[in-house]
Amino acid sequence: MTRISRRLRKWTHEALDLPQDVLLDLPRVTLVGNKELTVENHRGVRHFSENKMILSLSEGMLEIEGAGLMIRAILPQEVLIEGMIRNIKYIGMGESS
């Protein structure tokens, strides 16, 4: 991201008071207890099984581990996961799991 682009995004955030996830295309992760997980701004499902799920993000991946995991709803920008969620791990660009 160029300096001008970063400055413009910062100014837009300050002037319009918009959330950073909207401006910077960041994921928004909402966990309800350990039973329900909503991830907004994902880029697709890379791996899915009953015990592990990996989502692509704009910059990296999100790894979810648990038991009885299932996708309750999936939309182009949002996914709802249900089951016994035990671990959520963000893997940034250049990191390995």
Protein backbone atom coordinates (compact mmCIF):
# COMPACT_ATOMS: atom_id res chain seq x y z
CA MET A 1 0.00 0.00 0.00
CA THR A 2 1.47 3.36 -0.97
CA ARG A 3 1.98 6.26 1.44
CA ILE A 4 -0.65 8.34 -0.34
CA SER A 5 -3.15 5.50 -0.13
CA ARG A 6 -2.47 5.06 3.62
CA ARG A 7 -2.84 8.78 4.24
CA LEU A 8 -6.08 8.92 2.27
CA ARG A 9 -7.52 5.96 4.19
CA LYS A 10 -6.47 7.52 7.51
CA TRP A 11 -8.03 10.84 6.57
CA THR A 12 -11.21 9.11 5.41
CA HIS A 13 -11.38 7.15 8.67
CA GLU A 14 -10.96 10.31 10.74
CA ALA A 15 -13.24 12.54 8.65
CA LEU A 16 -16.10 10.08 8.13
CA ASP A 17 -15.61 8.04 11.32
CA LEU A 18 -15.97 4.76 9.40
CA PRO A 19 -14.87 1.46 10.98
CA GLN A 20 -11.40 0.31 9.95
CA ASP A 21 -12.65 -3.09 8.78
CA VAL A 22 -14.67 -1.30 6.09
CA LEU A 23 -11.87 1.01 4.98
CA LEU A 24 -9.00 -1.47 5.11
CA ASP A 25 -10.90 -4.59 4.00
CA LEU A 26 -10.10 -6.29 7.32
CA PRO A 27 -11.99 -9.33 8.60
CA ARG A 28 -14.54 -8.87 11.38
CA VAL A 29 -14.73 -11.94 13.62
CA THR A 30 -17.66 -12.34 16.03
CA LEU A 31 -17.66 -15.25 18.47
CA VAL A 32 -20.77 -16.11 20.50
CA GLY A 33 -19.62 -18.27 23.40
CA ASN A 34 -17.80 -21.21 21.87
CA LYS A 35 -20.76 -22.29 19.73
CA GLU A 36 -21.11 -19.76 16.89
CA LEU A 37 -18.57 -17.83 14.83
CA THR A 38 -19.31 -15.21 12.16
CA VAL A 39 -16.50 -14.02 9.87
CA GLU A 40 -17.11 -11.04 7.59
CA ASN A 41 -14.83 -9.97 4.72
CA HIS A 42 -13.51 -13.48 4.01
CA ARG A 43 -12.21 -14.53 0.60
CA GLY A 44 -13.37 -18.15 0.56
CA VAL A 45 -13.04 -21.50 2.27
CA ARG A 46 -9.65 -23.18 1.77
CA HIS A 47 -10.24 -26.25 3.92
CA PHE A 48 -13.26 -27.66 5.69
CA SER A 49 -13.73 -30.70 7.89
CA GLU A 50 -15.68 -31.48 11.04
CA ASN A 51 -12.62 -30.57 13.17
CA LYS A 52 -10.88 -27.81 11.22
CA MET A 53 -11.72 -24.97 8.88
CA ILE A 54 -9.41 -22.53 7.08
CA LEU A 55 -10.73 -19.30 5.55
CA SER A 56 -8.82 -17.08 3.13
CA LEU A 57 -8.64 -13.40 4.09
CA SER A 58 -7.46 -10.35 2.16
CA GLU A 59 -4.11 -10.69 3.96
CA GLY A 60 -3.65 -14.16 5.35
CA MET A 61 -5.86 -16.94 6.65
CA LEU A 62 -8.07 -17.73 9.63
CA GLU A 63 -7.85 -21.24 11.06
CA ILE A 64 -10.72 -22.51 13.23
CA GLU A 65 -10.41 -25.75 15.20
CA GLY A 66 -13.13 -27.55 17.11
CA ALA A 67 -15.57 -30.43 16.99
CA GLY A 68 -18.73 -30.88 14.98
CA LEU A 69 -18.00 -27.76 12.90
CA MET A 70 -20.51 -26.96 10.20
CA ILE A 71 -21.18 -24.05 7.90
CA ARG A 72 -24.65 -22.79 8.76
CA ALA A 73 -24.62 -20.01 6.11
CA ILE A 74 -22.14 -18.77 3.54
CA LEU A 75 -22.37 -15.56 1.55
CA PRO A 76 -19.82 -13.85 -0.71
CA GLN A 77 -18.50 -11.72 2.19
CA GLU A 78 -19.73 -13.58 5.30
CA VAL A 79 -19.69 -17.10 6.74
CA LEU A 80 -21.48 -18.46 9.82
CA ILE A 81 -19.88 -21.48 11.51
CA GLU A 82 -21.50 -23.53 14.27
CA GLY A 83 -20.11 -26.28 16.48
CA MET A 84 -17.77 -26.58 19.47
CA ILE A 85 -15.10 -23.98 18.69
CA ARG A 86 -11.85 -24.58 20.56
CA ASN A 87 -9.27 -22.45 18.81
CA ILE A 88 -9.16 -19.51 16.37
CA LYS A 89 -5.81 -18.62 14.83
CA TYR A 90 -4.93 -15.75 12.48
CA ILE A 91 -2.11 -16.58 10.07
CA GLY A 92 -0.72 -13.48 8.38
CA MET A 93 1.05 -13.30 5.05
CA GLY A 94 4.46 -14.95 5.18
CA GLU A 95 3.62 -17.03 8.28
CA SER A 96 3.07 -20.77 8.14
CA SER A 97 0.73 -22.84 10.29
